[in-house]
């Protein structure tokens, strides 16, 4: 299991990404963390904005599909898309993840 993280200032973009990933079985679960505050450098200055974070639970086999989906539906020109590798996952939870993703791998 891996976790893919992305952020955006658009709730609509995050909802569209989440629903597409779940409907296509590219993700078993997506945590939506609203109203996060981000600070970053843009055009040489520090900018602050409210963003939504997605934590997408999936498998390495589906990682490329998740990245493509995010890039297609995201509202940023260059979205943050990072993969977090997990070293330990509860066996029952991992079974559920794998069963949930079976259709997305076909």
PDB file of N, CA and C in Angstrom:
ATOM      1  N   UNK A   1       0.840  -1.180   0.000  1.00  0.00           N
ATOM      2  CA  UNK A   1       0.000   0.000   0.000  1.00  0.00           C
ATOM      3  C   UNK A   1       0.887   1.245   0.000  1.00  0.00           C
ATOM      4  N   UNK A   2       0.467   2.236  -0.775  1.00  0.00           N
ATOM      5  CA  UNK A   2       1.099   3.541  -0.765  1.00  0.00           C
ATOM      6  C   UNK A   2       0.037   4.597  -0.512  1.00  0.00           C
ATOM      7  N   UNK A   3       0.481   5.766  -0.111  1.00  0.00           N
ATOM      8  CA  UNK A   3      -0.409   6.909   0.083  1.00  0.00           C
ATOM      9  C   UNK A   3       0.091   8.014  -0.838  1.00  0.00           C
ATOM     10  N   UNK A   4      -0.791   8.533  -1.668  1.00  0.00           N
ATOM     11  CA  UNK A   4      -0.435   9.628  -2.559  1.00  0.00           C
ATOM     12  C   UNK A   4      -1.090  10.890  -2.021  1.00  0.00           C
ATOM     13  N   UNK A   5      -0.305  11.953  -1.939  1.00  0.00           N
ATOM     14  CA  UNK A   5      -0.769  13.216  -1.355  1.00  0.00           C
ATOM     15  C   UNK A   5      -0.836  14.286  -2.431  1.00  0.00           C
ATOM     16  N   UNK A   6      -1.902  15.062  -2.406  1.00  0.00           N
ATOM     17  CA  UNK A   6      -2.021  16.232  -3.260  1.00  0.00           C
ATOM     18  C   UNK A   6      -2.799  17.306  -2.520  1.00  0.00           C
ATOM     19  N   UNK A   7      -2.594  18.560  -2.927  1.00  0.00           N
ATOM     20  CA  UNK A   7      -3.303  19.677  -2.313  1.00  0.00           C
ATOM     21  C   UNK A   7      -3.820  20.616  -3.395  1.00  0.00           C
ATOM     22  N   UNK A   8      -4.860  21.379  -3.046  1.00  0.00           N
ATOM     23  CA  UNK A   8      -5.425  22.350  -3.983  1.00  0.00           C
ATOM     24  C   UNK A   8      -6.245  23.376  -3.206  1.00  0.00           C
ATOM     25  N   UNK A   9      -6.440  24.539  -3.822  1.00  0.00           N
ATOM     26  CA  UNK A   9      -7.321  25.541  -3.220  1.00  0.00           C
ATOM     27  C   UNK A   9      -8.752  25.384  -3.719  1.00  0.00           C
ATOM     28  N   UNK A  10      -9.005  24.377  -4.548  1.00  0.00           N
ATOM     29  CA  UNK A  10     -10.331  24.158  -5.120  1.00  0.00           C
ATOM     30  C   UNK A  10     -10.992  22.908  -4.535  1.00  0.00           C
ATOM     31  N   UNK A  11     -12.059  23.131  -3.770  1.00  0.00           N
ATOM     32  CA  UNK A  11     -12.813  21.993  -3.240  1.00  0.00           C
ATOM     33  C   UNK A  11     -13.419  21.177  -4.376  1.00  0.00           C
ATOM     34  N   UNK A  12     -13.858  21.845  -5.435  1.00  0.00           N
ATOM     35  CA  UNK A  12     -14.457  21.138  -6.572  1.00  0.00           C
ATOM     36  C   UNK A  12     -13.447  20.216  -7.247  1.00  0.00           C
ATOM     37  N   UNK A  13     -12.231  20.699  -7.480  1.00  0.00           N
ATOM     38  CA  UNK A  13     -11.203  19.867  -8.103  1.00  0.00           C
ATOM     39  C   UNK A  13     -10.906  18.645  -7.234  1.00  0.00           C
ATOM     40  N   UNK A  14     -10.823  18.848  -5.925  1.00  0.00           N
ATOM     41  CA  UNK A  14     -10.527  17.735  -5.020  1.00  0.00           C
ATOM     42  C   UNK A  14     -11.671  16.719  -4.987  1.00  0.00           C
ATOM     43  N   UNK A  15     -12.913  17.219  -5.041  1.00  0.00           N
ATOM     44  CA  UNK A  15     -14.074  16.329  -5.072  1.00  0.00           C
ATOM     45  C   UNK A  15     -14.091  15.526  -6.378  1.00  0.00           C
ATOM     46  N   UNK A  16     -13.803  16.186  -7.498  1.00  0.00           N
ATOM     47  CA  UNK A  16     -13.770  15.497  -8.795  1.00  0.00           C
ATOM     48  C   UNK A  16     -12.676  14.432  -8.822  1.00  0.00           C
ATOM     49  N   UNK A  17     -11.495  14.762  -8.310  1.00  0.00           N
ATOM     50  CA  UNK A  17     -10.392  13.795  -8.261  1.00  0.00           C
ATOM     51  C   UNK A  17     -10.777  12.611  -7.387  1.00  0.00           C
ATOM     52  N   UNK A  18     -11.297  12.891  -6.199  1.00  0.00           N
ATOM     53  CA  UNK A  18     -11.687  11.826  -5.268  1.00  0.00           C
ATOM     54  C   UNK A  18     -12.712  10.894  -5.884  1.00  0.00           C
ATOM     55  N   UNK A  19     -13.786  11.455  -6.430  1.00  0.00           N
ATOM     56  CA  UNK A  19     -14.850  10.623  -6.999  1.00  0.00           C
ATOM     57  C   UNK A  19     -14.359   9.796  -8.180  1.00  0.00           C
ATOM     58  N   UNK A  20     -13.527  10.377  -9.026  1.00  0.00           N
ATOM     59  CA  UNK A  20     -12.995   9.643 -10.175  1.00  0.00           C
ATOM     60  C   UNK A  20     -12.116   8.485  -9.716  1.00  0.00           C
ATOM     61  N   UNK A  21     -11.228   8.750  -8.765  1.00  0.00           N
ATOM     62  CA  UNK A  21     -10.342   7.689  -8.269  1.00  0.00           C
ATOM     63  C   UNK A  21     -11.129   6.542  -7.649  1.00  0.00           C
ATOM     64  N   UNK A  22     -12.147   6.867  -6.870  1.00  0.00           N
ATOM     65  CA  UNK A  22     -12.945   5.819  -6.229  1.00  0.00           C
ATOM     66  C   UNK A  22     -13.807   5.075  -7.245  1.00  0.00           C
ATOM     67  N   UNK A  23     -14.427   5.787  -8.168  1.00  0.00           N
ATOM     68  CA  UNK A  23     -15.272   5.140  -9.171  1.00  0.00           C
ATOM     69  C   UNK A  23     -14.489   4.211 -10.085  1.00  0.00           C
ATOM     70  N   UNK A  24     -13.253   4.576 -10.411  1.00  0.00           N
ATOM     71  CA  UNK A  24     -12.417   3.738 -11.278  1.00  0.00           C
ATOM     72  C   UNK A  24     -11.668   2.665 -10.501  1.00  0.00           C
ATOM     73  N   UNK A  25     -11.848   2.650  -9.179  1.00  0.00           N
ATOM     74  CA  UNK A  25     -11.154   1.707  -8.291  1.00  0.00           C
ATOM     75  C   UNK A  25      -9.642   1.884  -8.333  1.00  0.00           C
ATOM     76  N   UNK A  26      -9.190   3.133  -8.545  1.00  0.00           N
ATOM     77  CA  UNK A  26      -7.768   3.449  -8.472  1.00  0.00           C
ATOM     78  C   UNK A  26      -7.356   3.732  -7.036  1.00  0.00           C
ATOM     79  N   UNK A  27      -8.335   3.974  -6.174  1.00  0.00           N
ATOM     80  CA  UNK A  27      -8.096   4.224  -4.750  1.00  0.00           C
ATOM     81  C   UNK A  27      -9.142   3.470  -3.951  1.00  0.00           C
ATOM     82  N   UNK A  28      -8.729   2.971  -2.797  1.00  0.00           N
ATOM     83  CA  UNK A  28      -9.670   2.294  -1.907  1.00  0.00           C
ATOM     84  C   UNK A  28     -10.282   3.273  -0.921  1.00  0.00           C
ATOM     85  N   UNK A  29      -9.534   4.326  -0.609  1.00  0.00           N
ATOM     86  CA  UNK A  29      -9.973   5.303   0.383  1.00  0.00           C
ATOM     87  C   UNK A  29      -9.250   6.618   0.108  1.00  0.00           C
ATOM     88  N   UNK A  30      -9.952   7.723   0.295  1.00  0.00           N
ATOM     89  CA  UNK A  30      -9.329   9.041   0.173  1.00  0.00           C
ATOM     90  C   UNK A  30      -9.730   9.865   1.392  1.00  0.00           C
ATOM     91  N   UNK A  31      -8.737  10.316   2.146  1.00  0.00           N
ATOM     92  CA  UNK A  31      -9.000  11.236   3.251  1.00  0.00           C
ATOM     93  C   UNK A  31      -8.963  12.650   2.698  1.00  0.00           C
ATOM     94  N   UNK A  32      -9.988  13.420   3.005  1.00  0.00           N
ATOM     95  CA  UNK A  32     -10.087  14.800   2.558  1.00  0.00           C
ATOM     96  C   UNK A  32      -9.915  15.681   3.792  1.00  0.00           C
ATOM     97  N   UNK A  33      -8.834  16.443   3.799  1.00  0.00           N
ATOM     98  CA  UNK A  33      -8.531  17.298   4.936  1.00  0.00           C
ATOM     99  C   UNK A  33      -8.778  18.741   4.497  1.00  0.00           C
ATOM    100  N   UNK A  34      -9.876  19.337   4.952  1.00  0.00           N
ATOM    101  CA  UNK A  34     -10.252  20.673   4.478  1.00  0.00           C
ATOM    102  C   UNK A  34      -9.557  21.789   5.256  1.00  0.00           C
ATOM    103  N   UNK A  35      -9.608  22.969   4.693  1.00  0.00           N
ATOM    104  CA  UNK A  35      -9.209  24.215   5.340  1.00  0.00           C
ATOM    105  C   UNK A  35      -7.806  24.196   5.938  1.00  0.00           C
ATOM    106  N   UNK A  36      -6.898  23.530   5.253  1.00  0.00           N
ATOM    107  CA  UNK A  36      -5.507  23.538   5.663  1.00  0.00           C
ATOM    108  C   UNK A  36      -4.886  24.854   5.188  1.00  0.00           C
ATOM    109  N   UNK A  37      -3.987  25.406   5.935  1.00  0.00           N
ATOM    110  CA  UNK A  37      -3.323  26.650   5.541  1.00  0.00           C
ATOM    111  C   UNK A  37      -1.945  26.299   4.988  1.00  0.00           C
ATOM    112  N   UNK A  38      -1.638  26.815   3.795  1.00  0.00           N
ATOM    113  CA  UNK A  38      -0.343  26.573   3.155  1.00  0.00           C
ATOM    114  C   UNK A  38       0.366  27.891   2.899  1.00  0.00           C
ATOM    115  N   UNK A  39       1.681  27.852   3.026  1.00  0.00           N
ATOM    116  CA  UNK A  39       2.525  28.991   2.668  1.00  0.00           C
ATOM    117  C   UNK A  39       3.574  28.457   1.709  1.00  0.00           C
ATOM    118  N   UNK A  40       3.811  29.215   0.641  1.00  0.00           N
ATOM    119  CA  UNK A  40       4.760  28.766  -0.366  1.00  0.00           C
ATOM    120  C   UNK A  40       5.278  29.972  -1.141  1.00  0.00           C
ATOM    121  N   UNK A  41       6.333  29.750  -1.901  1.00  0.00           N
ATOM    122  CA  UNK A  41       6.904  30.812  -2.720  1.00  0.00           C
ATOM    123  C   UNK A  41       6.332  30.708  -4.125  1.00  0.00           C
ATOM    124  N   UNK A  42       5.795  31.823  -4.601  1.00  0.00           N
ATOM    125  CA  UNK A  42       5.237  31.902  -5.950  1.00  0.00           C
ATOM    126  C   UNK A  42       5.654  33.231  -6.554  1.00  0.00           C
ATOM    127  N   UNK A  43       6.258  33.172  -7.715  1.00  0.00           N
ATOM    128  CA  UNK A  43       6.729  34.389  -8.392  1.00  0.00           C
ATOM    129  C   UNK A  43       7.624  35.239  -7.483  1.00  0.00           C
ATOM    130  N   UNK A  44       8.471  34.567  -6.700  1.00  0.00           N
ATOM    131  CA  UNK A  44       9.450  35.267  -5.877  1.00  0.00           C
ATOM    132  C   UNK A  44       8.933  35.849  -4.572  1.00  0.00           C
ATOM    133  N   UNK A  45       7.678  35.576  -4.236  1.00  0.00           N
ATOM    134  CA  UNK A  45       7.159  36.111  -2.966  1.00  0.00           C
ATOM    135  C   UNK A  45       6.446  35.015  -2.189  1.00  0.00           C
ATOM    136  N   UNK A  46       6.327  35.219  -0.899  1.00  0.00           N
ATOM    137  CA  UNK A  46       5.645  34.251  -0.039  1.00  0.00           C
ATOM    138  C   UNK A  46       4.150  34.485  -0.138  1.00  0.00           C
ATOM    139  N   UNK A  47       3.437  33.419  -0.422  1.00  0.00           N
ATOM    140  CA  UNK A  47       1.978  33.461  -0.574  1.00  0.00           C
ATOM    141  C   UNK A  47       1.363  32.528   0.469  1.00  0.00           C
ATOM    142  N   UNK A  48       0.227  32.902   0.993  1.00  0.00           N
ATOM    143  CA  UNK A  48      -0.502  32.053   1.940  1.00  0.00           C
ATOM    144  C   UNK A  48      -1.902  31.817   1.399  1.00  0.00           C
ATOM    145  N   UNK A  49      -2.354  30.571   1.471  1.00  0.00           N
ATOM    146  CA  UNK A  49      -3.702  30.262   1.001  1.00  0.00           C
ATOM    147  C   UNK A  49      -4.278  29.094   1.790  1.00  0.00           C
ATOM    148  N   UNK A  50      -5.589  28.973   1.711  1.00  0.00           N
ATOM    149  CA  UNK A  50      -6.275  27.812   2.294  1.00  0.00           C
ATOM    150  C   UNK A  50      -6.341  26.738   1.222  1.00  0.00           C
ATOM    151  N   UNK A  51      -6.019  25.525   1.617  1.00  0.00           N
ATOM    152  CA  UNK A  51      -6.049  24.421   0.672  1.00  0.00           C
ATOM    153  C   UNK A  51      -6.741  23.211   1.295  1.00  0.00           C
ATOM    154  N   UNK A  52      -7.070  22.292   0.430  1.00  0.00           N
ATOM    155  CA  UNK A  52      -7.611  20.991   0.800  1.00  0.00           C
ATOM    156  C   UNK A  52      -6.523  19.969   0.502  1.00  0.00           C
ATOM    157  N   UNK A  53      -6.308  19.013   1.410  1.00  0.00           N
ATOM    158  CA  UNK A  53      -5.332  17.955   1.184  1.00  0.00           C
ATOM    159  C   UNK A  53      -6.056  16.630   0.984  1.00  0.00           C
ATOM    160  N   UNK A  54      -5.596  15.863   0.006  1.00  0.00           N
ATOM    161  CA  UNK A  54      -6.075  14.507  -0.184  1.00  0.00           C
ATOM    162  C   UNK A  54      -4.965  13.535   0.179  1.00  0.00           C
ATOM    163  N   UNK A  55      -5.310  12.505   0.943  1.00  0.00           N
ATOM    164  CA  UNK A  55      -4.429  11.375   1.213  1.00  0.00           C
ATOM    165  C   UNK A  55      -5.102  10.163   0.576  1.00  0.00           C
ATOM    166  N   UNK A  56      -4.503   9.675  -0.495  1.00  0.00           N
ATOM    167  CA  UNK A  56      -5.114   8.657  -1.353  1.00  0.00           C
ATOM    168  C   UNK A  56      -4.460   7.307  -1.074  1.00  0.00           C
ATOM    169  N   UNK A  57      -5.242   6.336  -0.599  1.00  0.00           N
ATOM    170  CA  UNK A  57      -4.726   5.006  -0.294  1.00  0.00           C
ATOM    171  C   UNK A  57      -4.890   4.133  -1.527  1.00  0.00           C
ATOM    172  N   UNK A  58      -3.767   3.596  -2.022  1.00  0.00           N
ATOM    173  CA  UNK A  58      -3.790   2.804  -3.247  1.00  0.00           C
ATOM    174  C   UNK A  58      -2.627   1.810  -3.232  1.00  0.00           C
ATOM    175  N   UNK A  59      -2.382   1.168  -4.367  1.00  0.00           N
ATOM    176  CA  UNK A  59      -1.269   0.223  -4.482  1.00  0.00           C
ATOM    177  C   UNK A  59      -0.253   0.752  -5.482  1.00  0.00           C
ATOM    178  N   UNK A  60       0.965   0.233  -5.411  1.00  0.00           N
ATOM    179  CA  UNK A  60       2.009   0.654  -6.344  1.00  0.00           C
ATOM    180  C   UNK A  60       1.601   0.384  -7.787  1.00  0.00           C
ATOM    181  N   UNK A  61       0.844  -0.680  -8.021  1.00  0.00           N
ATOM    182  CA  UNK A  61       0.384  -1.018  -9.379  1.00  0.00           C
ATOM    183  C   UNK A  61      -0.480   0.079  -9.990  1.00  0.00           C
ATOM    184  N   UNK A  62      -1.172   0.840  -9.150  1.00  0.00           N
ATOM    185  CA  UNK A  62      -2.106   1.865  -9.633  1.00  0.00           C
ATOM    186  C   UNK A  62      -1.555   3.286  -9.508  1.00  0.00           C
ATOM    187  N   UNK A  63      -0.323   3.416  -9.050  1.00  0.00           N
ATOM    188  CA  UNK A  63       0.267   4.732  -8.816  1.00  0.00           C
ATOM    189  C   UNK A  63       0.235   5.611 -10.075  1.00  0.00           C
ATOM    190  N   UNK A  64       0.629   5.080 -11.212  1.00  0.00           N
ATOM    191  CA  UNK A  64       0.648   5.867 -12.454  1.00  0.00           C
ATOM    192  C   UNK A  64      -0.751   6.328 -12.835  1.00  0.00           C
ATOM    193  N   UNK A  65      -1.763   5.480 -12.631  1.00  0.00           N
ATOM    194  CA  UNK A  65      -3.150   5.853 -12.938  1.00  0.00           C
ATOM    195  C   UNK A  65      -3.616   6.995 -12.043  1.00  0.00           C
ATOM    196  N   UNK A  66      -3.232   6.945 -10.778  1.00  0.00           N
ATOM    197  CA  UNK A  66      -3.606   8.009  -9.835  1.00  0.00           C
ATOM    198  C   UNK A  66      -2.939   9.315 -10.250  1.00  0.00           C
ATOM    199  N   UNK A  67      -1.653   9.277 -10.571  1.00  0.00           N
ATOM    200  CA  UNK A  67      -0.940  10.489 -10.988  1.00  0.00           C
ATOM    201  C   UNK A  67      -1.599  11.095 -12.235  1.00  0.00           C
ATOM    202  N   UNK A  68      -1.911  10.259 -13.230  1.00  0.00           N
ATOM    203  CA  UNK A  68      -2.536  10.756 -14.462  1.00  0.00           C
ATOM    204  C   UNK A  68      -3.888  11.394 -14.184  1.00  0.00           C
ATOM    205  N   UNK A  69      -4.678  10.775 -13.309  1.00  0.00           N
ATOM    206  CA  UNK A  69      -5.993  11.298 -12.964  1.00  0.00           C
ATOM    207  C   UNK A  69      -5.872  12.650 -12.271  1.00  0.00           C
ATOM    208  N   UNK A  70      -4.954  12.752 -11.327  1.00  0.00           N
ATOM    209  CA  UNK A  70      -4.763  14.019 -10.623  1.00  0.00           C
ATOM    210  C   UNK A  70      -4.365  15.105 -11.609  1.00  0.00           C
ATOM    211  N   UNK A  71      -3.385  14.829 -12.461  1.00  0.00           N
ATOM    212  CA  UNK A  71      -2.920  15.837 -13.425  1.00  0.00           C
ATOM    213  C   UNK A  71      -4.033  16.270 -14.371  1.00  0.00           C
ATOM    214  N   UNK A  72      -4.880  15.340 -14.759  1.00  0.00           N
ATOM    215  CA  UNK A  72      -5.972  15.643 -15.689  1.00  0.00           C
ATOM    216  C   UNK A  72      -7.036  16.537 -15.054  1.00  0.00           C
ATOM    217  N   UNK A  73      -7.347  16.308 -13.781  1.00  0.00           N
ATOM    218  CA  UNK A  73      -8.473  16.988 -13.131  1.00  0.00           C
ATOM    219  C   UNK A  73      -8.073  18.138 -12.205  1.00  0.00           C
ATOM    220  N   UNK A  74      -6.789  18.296 -11.944  1.00  0.00           N
ATOM    221  CA  UNK A  74      -6.325  19.307 -10.992  1.00  0.00           C
ATOM    222  C   UNK A  74      -6.429  20.704 -11.589  1.00  0.00           C
ATOM    223  N   UNK A  75      -6.658  21.691 -10.742  1.00  0.00           N
ATOM    224  CA  UNK A  75      -6.775  23.073 -11.208  1.00  0.00           C
ATOM    225  C   UNK A  75      -5.445  23.823 -11.227  1.00  0.00           C
ATOM    226  N   UNK A  76      -4.377  23.251 -10.667  1.00  0.00           N
ATOM    227  CA  UNK A  76      -3.062  23.897 -10.692  1.00  0.00           C
ATOM    228  C   UNK A  76      -2.299  23.458 -11.938  1.00  0.00           C
ATOM    229  N   UNK A  77      -1.474  24.348 -12.484  1.00  0.00           N
ATOM    230  CA  UNK A  77      -0.603  23.992 -13.609  1.00  0.00           C
ATOM    231  C   UNK A  77       0.422  22.939 -13.195  1.00  0.00           C
ATOM    232  N   UNK A  78       0.963  23.103 -11.985  1.00  0.00           N
ATOM    233  CA  UNK A  78       1.952  22.156 -11.451  1.00  0.00           C
ATOM    234  C   UNK A  78       1.487  21.734 -10.055  1.00  0.00           C
ATOM    235  N   UNK A  79       0.641  20.703  -9.984  1.00  0.00           N
ATOM    236  CA  UNK A  79       0.149  20.283  -8.662  1.00  0.00           C
ATOM    237  C   UNK A  79       1.194  19.493  -7.889  1.00  0.00           C
ATOM    238  N   UNK A  80       1.095  19.586  -6.572  1.00  0.00           N
ATOM    239  CA  UNK A  80       1.893  18.710  -5.718  1.00  0.00           C
ATOM    240  C   UNK A  80       1.300  17.314  -5.825  1.00  0.00           C
ATOM    241  N   UNK A  81       2.132  16.360  -6.195  1.00  0.00           N
ATOM    242  CA  UNK A  81       1.732  14.950  -6.177  1.00  0.00           C
ATOM    243  C   UNK A  81       2.933  14.198  -5.626  1.00  0.00           C
ATOM    244  N   UNK A  82       2.783  13.653  -4.427  1.00  0.00           N
ATOM    245  CA  UNK A  82       3.884  12.927  -3.800  1.00  0.00           C
ATOM    246  C   UNK A  82       3.404  11.563  -3.334  1.00  0.00           C
ATOM    247  N   UNK A  83       4.300  10.602  -3.383  1.00  0.00           N
ATOM    248  CA  UNK A  83       3.989   9.254  -2.923  1.00  0.00           C
ATOM    249  C   UNK A  83       4.681   9.003  -1.595  1.00  0.00           C
ATOM    250  N   UNK A  84       3.898   8.526  -0.637  1.00  0.00           N
ATOM    251  CA  UNK A  84       4.404   8.169   0.680  1.00  0.00           C
ATOM    252  C   UNK A  84       4.378   6.643   0.759  1.00  0.00           C
ATOM    253  N   UNK A  85       5.540   6.054   0.931  1.00  0.00           N
ATOM    254  CA  UNK A  85       5.599   4.595   1.046  1.00  0.00           C
ATOM    255  C   UNK A  85       5.334   4.199   2.489  1.00  0.00           C
ATOM    256  N   UNK A  86       4.581   3.141   2.668  1.00  0.00           N
ATOM    257  CA  UNK A  86       4.264   2.666   4.009  1.00  0.00           C
ATOM    258  C   UNK A  86       5.158   1.475   4.336  1.00  0.00           C
ATOM    259  N   UNK A  87       5.665   1.445   5.558  1.00  0.00           N
ATOM    260  CA  UNK A  87       6.531   0.323   5.946  1.00  0.00           C
ATOM    261  C   UNK A  87       5.762  -0.732   6.732  1.00  0.00           C
ATOM    262  N   UNK A  88       4.728  -0.313   7.432  1.00  0.00           N
ATOM    263  CA  UNK A  88       3.911  -1.254   8.206  1.00  0.00           C
ATOM    264  C   UNK A  88       2.450  -0.881   8.035  1.00  0.00           C
ATOM    265  N   UNK A  89       1.625  -1.871   7.729  1.00  0.00           N
ATOM    266  CA  UNK A  89       0.182  -1.674   7.582  1.00  0.00           C
ATOM    267  C   UNK A  89      -0.502  -2.873   8.232  1.00  0.00           C
ATOM    268  N   UNK A  90      -1.535  -2.621   9.014  1.00  0.00           N
ATOM    269  CA  UNK A  90      -2.296  -3.702   9.629  1.00  0.00           C
ATOM    270  C   UNK A  90      -2.754  -4.679   8.550  1.00  0.00           C
ATOM    271  N   UNK A  91      -2.592  -5.968   8.785  1.00  0.00           N
ATOM    272  CA  UNK A  91      -2.894  -7.002   7.792  1.00  0.00           C
ATOM    273  C   UNK A  91      -4.356  -6.957   7.344  1.00  0.00           C
ATOM    274  N   UNK A  92      -5.287  -6.773   8.265  1.00  0.00           N
ATOM    275  CA  UNK A  92      -6.704  -6.727   7.900  1.00  0.00           C
ATOM    276  C   UNK A  92      -7.007  -5.512   7.024  1.00  0.00           C
ATOM    277  N   UNK A  93      -6.411  -4.373   7.376  1.00  0.00           N
ATOM    278  CA  UNK A  93      -6.620  -3.155   6.579  1.00  0.00           C
ATOM    279  C   UNK A  93      -6.008  -3.321   5.190  1.00  0.00           C
ATOM    280  N   UNK A  94      -4.825  -3.888   5.115  1.00  0.00           N
ATOM    281  CA  UNK A  94      -4.171  -4.110   3.825  1.00  0.00           C
ATOM    282  C   UNK A  94      -4.988  -5.053   2.952  1.00  0.00           C
ATOM    283  N   UNK A  95      -5.571  -6.085   3.548  1.00  0.00           N
ATOM    284  CA  UNK A  95      -6.467  -6.994   2.805  1.00  0.00           C
ATOM    285  C   UNK A  95      -7.638  -6.232   2.216  1.00  0.00           C
ATOM    286  N   UNK A  96      -8.239  -5.375   3.030  1.00  0.00           N
ATOM    287  CA  UNK A  96      -9.386  -4.579   2.554  1.00  0.00           C
ATOM    288  C   UNK A  96      -8.965  -3.662   1.401  1.00  0.00           C
ATOM    289  N   UNK A  97      -7.815  -3.010   1.531  1.00  0.00           N
ATOM    290  CA  UNK A  97      -7.300  -2.144   0.456  1.00  0.00           C
ATOM    291  C   UNK A  97      -7.158  -2.960  -0.828  1.00  0.00           C
ATOM    292  N   UNK A  98      -6.478  -4.082  -0.738  1.00  0.00           N
ATOM    293  CA  UNK A  98      -6.232  -4.905  -1.933  1.00  0.00           C
ATOM    294  C   UNK A  98      -7.517  -5.416  -2.567  1.00  0.00           C
ATOM    295  N   UNK A  99      -8.463  -5.841  -1.755  1.00  0.00           N
ATOM    296  CA  UNK A  99      -9.757  -6.298  -2.290  1.00  0.00           C
ATOM    297  C   UNK A  99     -10.507  -5.146  -2.956  1.00  0.00           C
ATOM    298  N   UNK A 100     -10.442  -3.971  -2.379  1.00  0.00           N
ATOM    299  CA  UNK A 100     -11.132  -2.805  -2.932  1.00  0.00           C
ATOM    300  C   UNK A 100     -10.556  -2.371  -4.270  1.00  0.00           C
ATOM    301  N   UNK A 101      -9.275  -2.622  -4.483  1.00  0.00           N
ATOM    302  CA  UNK A 101      -8.600  -2.161  -5.690  1.00  0.00           C
ATOM    303  C   UNK A 101      -8.574  -3.177  -6.824  1.00  0.00           C
ATOM    304  N   UNK A 102      -9.027  -4.384  -6.598  1.00  0.00           N
ATOM    305  CA  UNK A 102      -8.932  -5.439  -7.613  1.00  0.00           C
ATOM    306  C   UNK A 102      -9.473  -5.029  -8.969  1.00  0.00           C
ATOM    307  N   UNK A 103     -10.638  -4.396  -9.037  1.00  0.00           N
ATOM    308  CA  UNK A 103     -11.232  -4.021 -10.316  1.00  0.00           C
ATOM    309  C   UNK A 103     -10.410  -2.959 -11.044  1.00  0.00           C
ATOM    310  N   UNK A 104      -9.730  -2.093 -10.311  1.00  0.00           N
ATOM    311  CA  UNK A 104      -8.923  -1.047 -10.932  1.00  0.00           C
ATOM    312  C   UNK A 104      -7.680  -1.579 -11.618  1.00  0.00           C
ATOM    313  N   UNK A 105      -7.256  -2.790 -11.248  1.00  0.00           N
ATOM    314  CA  UNK A 105      -6.033  -3.367 -11.813  1.00  0.00           C
ATOM    315  C   UNK A 105      -6.294  -4.118 -13.117  1.00  0.00           C
ATOM    316  N   UNK A 106      -7.559  -4.308 -13.459  1.00  0.00           N
ATOM    317  CA  UNK A 106      -7.886  -5.096 -14.663  1.00  0.00           C
ATOM    318  C   UNK A 106      -7.897  -4.243 -15.896  1.00  0.00           C
TER     319      UNK A 106
END
